[in-house]
Amino acid sequence: MTRRAGIVIASTRAATGVYQDRSAPVIEDWLVEHGFEVIPAAVVPDGRPVGAALRALLALSPAVVVTSGGTGLSPDDATPEETLPLLDREIPGVMEAIRRAGAHKTPLAALSRGHAGVSGTTFVVNLPGSPSGVMDGLAVLDPLIGHLCDQLEGVHGH
């Protein structure tokens, strides 16, 4: 059975065509490399549209949803606030590891307010908006994603 995955890009500028989002292709390539069938990315303005896009994706019950953007301190950065109410359980260690990995490259990684957790049987993770921040986060998820999905599906093993 092929696992499905979704992507939500929180970027008002990309959603309105001011510039081309560069994070979704990075996430999509990573998901494909890990054997996921990828639902086309939703590129939405920051704030409440992020929650709407997340709810729409979660209704499809994918194994994984990765968001990029909206995790900083700007007034319209609301991805964490839109994500948290949708999570049944948080996985704080994942975000701690992602921030720690990012901190090796930039002290600004400590300002990322993203969440990681579970909604139903879907793993949801908030990554930064920059392609480099996304790559750092995905590198942390590399050794975890298979086991994480297995556990959420009730598969016991290594």
N, C-alpha and C. Protein backbone atom coordinates (compact mmCIF):
# COMPACT_ATOMS: atom_id res chain seq x y z
N MET A 1 0.84 -1.18 0.00
CA MET A 1 0.00 0.00 0.00
C MET A 1 0.88 1.25 0.00
N THR A 2 0.61 2.12 -0.93
CA THR A 2 1.37 3.36 -1.02
C THR A 2 0.84 4.38 -0.02
N ARG A 3 1.74 4.94 0.71
CA ARG A 3 1.36 6.00 1.66
C ARG A 3 1.24 7.31 0.89
N ARG A 4 0.23 8.10 1.27
CA ARG A 4 0.05 9.40 0.66
C ARG A 4 0.54 10.50 1.59
N ALA A 5 0.94 11.62 1.00
CA ALA A 5 1.43 12.75 1.79
C ALA A 5 0.96 14.04 1.16
N GLY A 6 0.77 15.05 2.01
CA GLY A 6 0.35 16.35 1.53
C GLY A 6 1.30 17.44 1.99
N ILE A 7 1.24 18.56 1.29
CA ILE A 7 2.12 19.70 1.55
C ILE A 7 1.27 20.95 1.62
N VAL A 8 1.50 21.77 2.64
CA VAL A 8 0.86 23.09 2.72
C VAL A 8 1.97 24.13 2.81
N ILE A 9 1.97 25.06 1.86
CA ILE A 9 2.93 26.15 1.86
C ILE A 9 2.20 27.41 2.34
N ALA A 10 2.67 27.96 3.46
CA ALA A 10 2.08 29.17 4.02
C ALA A 10 2.91 30.36 3.57
N SER A 11 2.44 31.04 2.53
CA SER A 11 3.18 32.19 2.02
C SER A 11 2.22 33.10 1.26
N THR A 12 1.94 34.24 1.83
CA THR A 12 1.05 35.19 1.16
C THR A 12 1.66 35.62 -0.17
N ARG A 13 2.97 35.85 -0.20
CA ARG A 13 3.60 36.30 -1.45
C ARG A 13 3.57 35.23 -2.53
N ALA A 14 3.81 33.97 -2.17
CA ALA A 14 3.75 32.90 -3.17
C ALA A 14 2.30 32.66 -3.61
N ALA A 15 1.36 32.72 -2.65
CA ALA A 15 -0.05 32.48 -2.98
C ALA A 15 -0.60 33.55 -3.92
N THR A 16 -0.07 34.76 -3.82
CA THR A 16 -0.56 35.85 -4.67
C THR A 16 0.31 36.04 -5.91
N GLY A 17 1.27 35.16 -6.12
CA GLY A 17 2.06 35.19 -7.34
C GLY A 17 3.21 36.19 -7.36
N VAL A 18 3.52 36.78 -6.20
CA VAL A 18 4.63 37.74 -6.14
C VAL A 18 5.96 37.03 -6.42
N TYR A 19 6.08 35.81 -5.90
CA TYR A 19 7.28 35.04 -6.22
C TYR A 19 6.95 33.56 -6.20
N GLN A 20 7.84 32.79 -6.81
CA GLN A 20 7.65 31.34 -6.92
C GLN A 20 8.11 30.66 -5.64
N ASP A 21 7.24 29.84 -5.06
CA ASP A 21 7.63 29.08 -3.88
C ASP A 21 8.71 28.08 -4.27
N ARG A 22 9.76 27.97 -3.44
CA ARG A 22 10.84 27.03 -3.73
C ARG A 22 10.90 25.89 -2.73
N SER A 23 10.03 25.92 -1.70
CA SER A 23 10.07 24.87 -0.68
C SER A 23 9.27 23.63 -1.08
N ALA A 24 8.10 23.83 -1.72
CA ALA A 24 7.26 22.68 -2.08
C ALA A 24 8.00 21.65 -2.93
N PRO A 25 8.77 22.07 -3.98
CA PRO A 25 9.48 21.07 -4.77
C PRO A 25 10.49 20.26 -3.95
N VAL A 26 11.14 20.92 -2.99
CA VAL A 26 12.11 20.23 -2.12
C VAL A 26 11.38 19.17 -1.29
N ILE A 27 10.25 19.56 -0.71
CA ILE A 27 9.47 18.63 0.12
C ILE A 27 8.93 17.49 -0.74
N GLU A 28 8.41 17.84 -1.91
CA GLU A 28 7.83 16.81 -2.79
C GLU A 28 8.89 15.79 -3.20
N ASP A 29 10.07 16.27 -3.60
CA ASP A 29 11.15 15.34 -3.98
C ASP A 29 11.50 14.41 -2.83
N TRP A 30 11.59 14.95 -1.62
CA TRP A 30 11.93 14.15 -0.44
C TRP A 30 10.86 13.09 -0.19
N LEU A 31 9.59 13.49 -0.28
CA LEU A 31 8.50 12.55 -0.04
C LEU A 31 8.51 11.43 -1.08
N VAL A 32 8.72 11.78 -2.34
CA VAL A 32 8.77 10.78 -3.41
C VAL A 32 9.93 9.81 -3.16
N GLU A 33 11.09 10.35 -2.76
CA GLU A 33 12.25 9.50 -2.45
C GLU A 33 11.93 8.51 -1.33
N HIS A 34 11.03 8.90 -0.43
CA HIS A 34 10.66 8.04 0.69
C HIS A 34 9.41 7.21 0.39
N GLY A 35 9.03 7.13 -0.89
CA GLY A 35 7.97 6.23 -1.32
C GLY A 35 6.55 6.73 -1.17
N PHE A 36 6.38 8.03 -0.94
CA PHE A 36 5.03 8.58 -0.80
C PHE A 36 4.45 8.99 -2.15
N GLU A 37 3.14 8.84 -2.26
CA GLU A 37 2.39 9.43 -3.37
C GLU A 37 2.00 10.81 -2.87
N VAL A 38 2.38 11.86 -3.60
CA VAL A 38 2.22 13.22 -3.10
C VAL A 38 0.98 13.89 -3.68
N ILE A 39 0.12 14.35 -2.79
CA ILE A 39 -1.06 15.13 -3.16
C ILE A 39 -0.53 16.51 -3.58
N PRO A 40 -1.04 17.11 -4.66
CA PRO A 40 -0.52 18.43 -5.09
C PRO A 40 -0.50 19.45 -3.94
N ALA A 41 0.59 20.20 -3.86
CA ALA A 41 0.78 21.15 -2.76
C ALA A 41 -0.27 22.25 -2.78
N ALA A 42 -0.71 22.64 -1.58
CA ALA A 42 -1.60 23.79 -1.42
C ALA A 42 -0.73 24.98 -1.03
N VAL A 43 -0.74 26.02 -1.85
CA VAL A 43 0.01 27.24 -1.56
C VAL A 43 -1.03 28.28 -1.16
N VAL A 44 -1.01 28.66 0.12
CA VAL A 44 -2.05 29.53 0.66
C VAL A 44 -1.45 30.74 1.39
N PRO A 45 -2.22 31.82 1.52
CA PRO A 45 -1.74 32.96 2.31
C PRO A 45 -1.54 32.57 3.76
N ASP A 46 -0.65 33.30 4.44
CA ASP A 46 -0.42 33.07 5.87
C ASP A 46 -1.71 33.28 6.66
N GLY A 47 -1.76 32.65 7.82
CA GLY A 47 -2.89 32.86 8.72
C GLY A 47 -3.97 31.80 8.59
N ARG A 48 -5.23 32.21 8.67
CA ARG A 48 -6.35 31.28 8.72
C ARG A 48 -6.44 30.33 7.52
N PRO A 49 -6.06 30.76 6.30
CA PRO A 49 -6.11 29.82 5.17
C PRO A 49 -5.25 28.57 5.40
N VAL A 50 -4.23 28.68 6.23
CA VAL A 50 -3.38 27.53 6.53
C VAL A 50 -4.21 26.45 7.24
N GLY A 51 -5.00 26.86 8.22
CA GLY A 51 -5.86 25.92 8.93
C GLY A 51 -6.87 25.26 8.01
N ALA A 52 -7.45 26.04 7.11
CA ALA A 52 -8.42 25.49 6.15
C ALA A 52 -7.75 24.46 5.25
N ALA A 53 -6.55 24.78 4.77
CA ALA A 53 -5.82 23.85 3.89
C ALA A 53 -5.45 22.57 4.65
N LEU A 54 -5.04 22.73 5.91
CA LEU A 54 -4.70 21.56 6.74
C LEU A 54 -5.92 20.67 6.95
N ARG A 55 -7.06 21.28 7.28
CA ARG A 55 -8.28 20.50 7.51
C ARG A 55 -8.69 19.75 6.24
N ALA A 56 -8.59 20.41 5.09
CA ALA A 56 -8.93 19.77 3.82
C ALA A 56 -8.02 18.57 3.54
N LEU A 57 -6.73 18.74 3.81
CA LEU A 57 -5.78 17.64 3.60
C LEU A 57 -6.03 16.50 4.58
N LEU A 58 -6.23 16.84 5.85
CA LEU A 58 -6.43 15.81 6.87
C LEU A 58 -7.68 14.98 6.58
N ALA A 59 -8.67 15.57 5.92
CA ALA A 59 -9.89 14.84 5.55
C ALA A 59 -9.59 13.70 4.58
N LEU A 60 -8.44 13.80 3.88
CA LEU A 60 -8.03 12.75 2.94
C LEU A 60 -7.23 11.65 3.63
N SER A 61 -6.97 11.81 4.92
CA SER A 61 -6.21 10.84 5.74
C SER A 61 -4.87 10.43 5.15
N PRO A 62 -4.03 11.40 4.78
CA PRO A 62 -2.68 11.01 4.32
C PRO A 62 -1.86 10.52 5.50
N ALA A 63 -0.74 9.85 5.21
CA ALA A 63 0.15 9.39 6.27
C ALA A 63 0.93 10.56 6.87
N VAL A 64 1.24 11.54 6.02
CA VAL A 64 2.10 12.66 6.42
C VAL A 64 1.59 13.96 5.81
N VAL A 65 1.66 15.04 6.60
CA VAL A 65 1.44 16.39 6.08
C VAL A 65 2.61 17.24 6.53
N VAL A 66 3.28 17.87 5.56
CA VAL A 66 4.40 18.76 5.85
C VAL A 66 3.98 20.18 5.49
N THR A 67 4.13 21.10 6.44
CA THR A 67 3.90 22.51 6.12
C THR A 67 5.24 23.22 6.05
N SER A 68 5.26 24.31 5.29
CA SER A 68 6.46 25.14 5.22
C SER A 68 6.00 26.59 5.27
N GLY A 69 6.60 27.34 6.18
CA GLY A 69 6.30 28.76 6.29
C GLY A 69 5.34 29.09 7.42
N GLY A 70 5.35 30.36 7.79
CA GLY A 70 4.44 30.85 8.80
C GLY A 70 4.78 30.48 10.23
N THR A 71 6.06 30.09 10.47
CA THR A 71 6.44 29.64 11.82
C THR A 71 7.25 30.68 12.58
N GLY A 72 7.47 31.83 11.97
CA GLY A 72 8.28 32.87 12.60
C GLY A 72 7.48 33.78 13.51
N LEU A 73 7.96 35.01 13.66
CA LEU A 73 7.37 35.95 14.60
C LEU A 73 6.65 37.12 13.95
N SER A 74 6.55 37.14 12.63
CA SER A 74 5.81 38.21 11.97
C SER A 74 4.35 38.14 12.38
N PRO A 75 3.65 39.27 12.36
CA PRO A 75 2.25 39.28 12.81
C PRO A 75 1.36 38.27 12.08
N ASP A 76 1.64 37.99 10.80
CA ASP A 76 0.78 37.04 10.07
C ASP A 76 1.32 35.61 10.08
N ASP A 77 2.39 35.34 10.81
CA ASP A 77 2.91 33.98 10.95
C ASP A 77 2.03 33.22 11.95
N ALA A 78 1.10 32.42 11.45
CA ALA A 78 0.14 31.74 12.33
C ALA A 78 0.06 30.24 12.09
N THR A 79 1.02 29.68 11.35
CA THR A 79 0.96 28.24 11.09
C THR A 79 0.91 27.42 12.38
N PRO A 80 1.73 27.73 13.41
CA PRO A 80 1.64 26.93 14.64
C PRO A 80 0.25 27.02 15.29
N GLU A 81 -0.32 28.21 15.29
CA GLU A 81 -1.64 28.39 15.91
C GLU A 81 -2.74 27.68 15.12
N GLU A 82 -2.57 27.59 13.80
CA GLU A 82 -3.54 26.90 12.96
C GLU A 82 -3.36 25.37 13.03
N THR A 83 -2.15 24.93 13.34
CA THR A 83 -1.84 23.50 13.38
C THR A 83 -2.22 22.87 14.72
N LEU A 84 -1.85 23.52 15.81
CA LEU A 84 -1.99 22.93 17.14
C LEU A 84 -3.38 22.40 17.47
N PRO A 85 -4.47 23.13 17.17
CA PRO A 85 -5.80 22.61 17.51
C PRO A 85 -6.18 21.34 16.74
N LEU A 86 -5.47 21.07 15.64
CA LEU A 86 -5.78 19.89 14.82
C LEU A 86 -5.03 18.64 15.29
N LEU A 87 -4.07 18.82 16.20
CA LEU A 87 -3.26 17.70 16.65
C LEU A 87 -3.90 17.00 17.84
N ASP A 88 -3.95 15.66 17.78
CA ASP A 88 -4.42 14.86 18.91
C ASP A 88 -3.31 14.69 19.93
N ARG A 89 -2.07 14.58 19.41
CA ARG A 89 -0.90 14.40 20.28
C ARG A 89 0.27 15.14 19.66
N GLU A 90 1.07 15.78 20.51
CA GLU A 90 2.28 16.43 20.02
C GLU A 90 3.47 15.47 20.13
N ILE A 91 4.47 15.71 19.29
CA ILE A 91 5.74 14.97 19.36
C ILE A 91 6.83 16.02 19.50
N PRO A 92 6.99 16.55 20.72
CA PRO A 92 7.92 17.68 20.90
C PRO A 92 9.36 17.35 20.55
N GLY A 93 9.79 16.12 20.73
CA GLY A 93 11.18 15.76 20.43
C GLY A 93 11.54 15.98 18.98
N VAL A 94 10.57 15.83 18.07
CA VAL A 94 10.84 16.05 16.65
C VAL A 94 11.18 17.52 16.41
N MET A 95 10.38 18.42 16.97
CA MET A 95 10.67 19.85 16.77
C MET A 95 11.95 20.27 17.48
N GLU A 96 12.21 19.69 18.65
CA GLU A 96 13.46 20.00 19.35
C GLU A 96 14.65 19.61 18.47
N ALA A 97 14.57 18.44 17.83
CA ALA A 97 15.65 17.97 16.97
C ALA A 97 15.79 18.85 15.73
N ILE A 98 14.66 19.27 15.16
CA ILE A 98 14.71 20.13 13.97
C ILE A 98 15.33 21.49 14.32
N ARG A 99 14.93 22.07 15.44
CA ARG A 99 15.51 23.37 15.84
C ARG A 99 17.00 23.22 16.16
N ARG A 100 17.37 22.11 16.81
CA ARG A 100 18.77 21.87 17.14
C ARG A 100 19.60 21.74 15.86
N ALA A 101 19.08 21.02 14.87
CA ALA A 101 19.81 20.85 13.61
C ALA A 101 19.97 22.19 12.90
N GLY A 102 18.90 22.99 12.90
CA GLY A 102 18.96 24.30 12.24
C GLY A 102 19.91 25.26 12.94
N ALA A 103 20.02 25.12 14.27
CA ALA A 103 20.86 26.02 15.06
C ALA A 103 22.34 25.89 14.69
N HIS A 104 22.73 24.75 14.13
CA HIS A 104 24.13 24.58 13.70
C HIS A 104 24.44 25.51 12.53
N LYS A 105 23.39 25.93 11.79
CA LYS A 105 23.60 26.79 10.63
C LYS A 105 23.23 28.24 10.90
N THR A 106 22.20 28.46 11.71
CA THR A 106 21.79 29.83 12.01
C THR A 106 21.17 29.91 13.41
N PRO A 107 21.56 30.92 14.18
CA PRO A 107 20.95 31.07 15.51
C PRO A 107 19.45 31.37 15.41
N LEU A 108 18.99 31.82 14.23
CA LEU A 108 17.58 32.15 14.05
C LEU A 108 16.67 30.93 14.12
N ALA A 109 17.24 29.73 14.00
CA ALA A 109 16.43 28.51 14.07
C ALA A 109 15.67 28.43 15.39
N ALA A 110 16.23 29.03 16.43
CA ALA A 110 15.58 29.00 17.75
C ALA A 110 14.27 29.76 17.75
N LEU A 111 14.04 30.62 16.75
CA LEU A 111 12.82 31.41 16.68
C LEU A 111 11.67 30.68 15.98
N SER A 112 11.95 29.52 15.39
CA SER A 112 10.89 28.77 14.70
C SER A 112 9.93 28.18 15.74
N ARG A 113 8.64 28.47 15.56
CA ARG A 113 7.66 28.06 16.55
C ARG A 113 6.83 26.86 16.11
N GLY A 114 7.32 26.11 15.14
CA GLY A 114 6.54 25.02 14.58
C GLY A 114 6.21 23.91 15.57
N HIS A 115 5.21 23.11 15.18
CA HIS A 115 4.79 21.94 15.95
C HIS A 115 4.99 20.69 15.12
N ALA A 116 5.08 19.56 15.81
CA ALA A 116 5.04 18.25 15.17
C ALA A 116 4.11 17.41 16.02
N GLY A 117 3.29 16.61 15.36
CA GLY A 117 2.37 15.79 16.12
C GLY A 117 1.53 14.91 15.23
N VAL A 118 0.47 14.39 15.83
CA VAL A 118 -0.37 13.41 15.16
C VAL A 118 -1.81 13.90 15.17
N SER A 119 -2.44 13.81 14.01
CA SER A 119 -3.87 14.08 13.88
C SER A 119 -4.49 12.80 13.32
N GLY A 120 -5.23 12.09 14.16
CA GLY A 120 -5.73 10.77 13.74
C GLY A 120 -4.55 9.85 13.54
N THR A 121 -4.33 9.39 12.31
CA THR A 121 -3.17 8.55 12.00
C THR A 121 -2.19 9.30 11.08
N THR A 122 -2.34 10.62 11.02
CA THR A 122 -1.49 11.44 10.16
C THR A 122 -0.43 12.16 10.98
N PHE A 123 0.84 12.05 10.55
CA PHE A 123 1.93 12.81 11.15
C PHE A 123 1.95 14.18 10.49
N VAL A 124 1.94 15.24 11.30
CA VAL A 124 1.95 16.62 10.81
C VAL A 124 3.19 17.31 11.36
N VAL A 125 3.92 18.00 10.48
CA VAL A 125 5.10 18.73 10.94
C VAL A 125 5.18 20.09 10.26
N ASN A 126 5.49 21.12 11.05
CA ASN A 126 5.67 22.49 10.55
C ASN A 126 7.15 22.77 10.34
N LEU A 127 7.54 23.02 9.10
CA LEU A 127 8.92 23.37 8.80
C LEU A 127 9.00 24.86 8.46
N PRO A 128 10.21 25.44 8.55
CA PRO A 128 10.38 26.86 8.22
C PRO A 128 10.04 27.12 6.74
N GLY A 129 9.99 28.39 6.38
CA GLY A 129 9.63 28.76 5.02
C GLY A 129 10.79 28.73 4.03
N SER A 130 12.01 28.75 4.50
CA SER A 130 13.15 28.78 3.58
C SER A 130 13.51 27.37 3.10
N PRO A 131 13.92 27.24 1.83
CA PRO A 131 14.33 25.92 1.34
C PRO A 131 15.44 25.29 2.18
N SER A 132 16.40 26.11 2.67
CA SER A 132 17.47 25.54 3.49
C SER A 132 16.92 25.04 4.82
N GLY A 133 15.99 25.78 5.42
CA GLY A 133 15.36 25.34 6.67
C GLY A 133 14.55 24.07 6.45
N VAL A 134 13.89 23.98 5.30
CA VAL A 134 13.13 22.78 4.95
C VAL A 134 14.08 21.58 4.84
N MET A 135 15.21 21.78 4.14
CA MET A 135 16.17 20.68 3.97
C MET A 135 16.72 20.21 5.31
N ASP A 136 17.01 21.16 6.21
CA ASP A 136 17.50 20.79 7.54
C ASP A 136 16.45 19.95 8.27
N GLY A 137 15.19 20.37 8.20
CA GLY A 137 14.12 19.64 8.87
C GLY A 137 13.92 18.26 8.30
N LEU A 138 13.96 18.16 6.97
CA LEU A 138 13.77 16.85 6.32
C LEU A 138 14.92 15.91 6.65
N ALA A 139 16.13 16.46 6.80
CA ALA A 139 17.28 15.63 7.17
C ALA A 139 17.05 14.99 8.54
N VAL A 140 16.43 15.74 9.45
CA VAL A 140 16.11 15.20 10.78
C VAL A 140 15.07 14.09 10.66
N LEU A 141 14.10 14.28 9.75
CA LEU A 141 13.02 13.30 9.59
C LEU A 141 13.47 12.04 8.85
N ASP A 142 14.56 12.13 8.08
CA ASP A 142 15.05 10.99 7.28
C ASP A 142 15.02 9.66 8.03
N PRO A 143 15.71 9.56 9.17
CA PRO A 143 15.76 8.26 9.85
C PRO A 143 14.50 7.94 10.66
N LEU A 144 13.56 8.89 10.75
CA LEU A 144 12.39 8.71 11.60
C LEU A 144 11.12 8.36 10.85
N ILE A 145 10.98 8.84 9.61
CA ILE A 145 9.68 8.85 8.94
C ILE A 145 9.08 7.46 8.75
N GLY A 146 9.90 6.49 8.36
CA GLY A 146 9.37 5.13 8.15
C GLY A 146 8.83 4.53 9.44
N HIS A 147 9.62 4.61 10.49
CA HIS A 147 9.22 4.06 11.79
C HIS A 147 8.00 4.79 12.34
N LEU A 148 8.01 6.10 12.17
CA LEU A 148 6.90 6.93 12.64
C LEU A 148 5.59 6.49 11.97
N CYS A 149 5.62 6.36 10.64
CA CYS A 149 4.42 5.94 9.90
C CYS A 149 4.00 4.52 10.29
N ASP A 150 4.98 3.63 10.44
CA ASP A 150 4.67 2.26 10.88
C ASP A 150 3.92 2.28 12.20
N GLN A 151 4.42 3.05 13.15
CA GLN A 151 3.79 3.10 14.46
C GLN A 151 2.37 3.64 14.37
N LEU A 152 2.16 4.68 13.57
CA LEU A 152 0.82 5.26 13.44
C LEU A 152 -0.15 4.29 12.76
N GLU A 153 0.40 3.41 11.93
CA GLU A 153 -0.43 2.40 11.27
C GLU A 153 -0.60 1.15 12.13
N GLY A 154 0.04 1.14 13.31
CA GLY A 154 -0.08 -0.01 14.20
C GLY A 154 0.84 -1.16 13.85
N VAL A 155 1.84 -0.89 12.99
CA VAL A 155 2.81 -1.93 12.63
C VAL A 155 3.89 -1.95 13.70
N HIS A 156 4.09 -3.11 14.30
CA HIS A 156 5.14 -3.23 15.32
C HIS A 156 6.34 -3.89 14.70
N GLY A 157 7.49 -3.41 15.07
CA GLY A 157 8.73 -3.98 14.50
C GLY A 157 9.90 -3.39 15.19
N HIS A 158 10.95 -3.18 14.43
CA HIS A 158 12.20 -2.69 14.99
C HIS A 158 11.99 -1.40 15.73
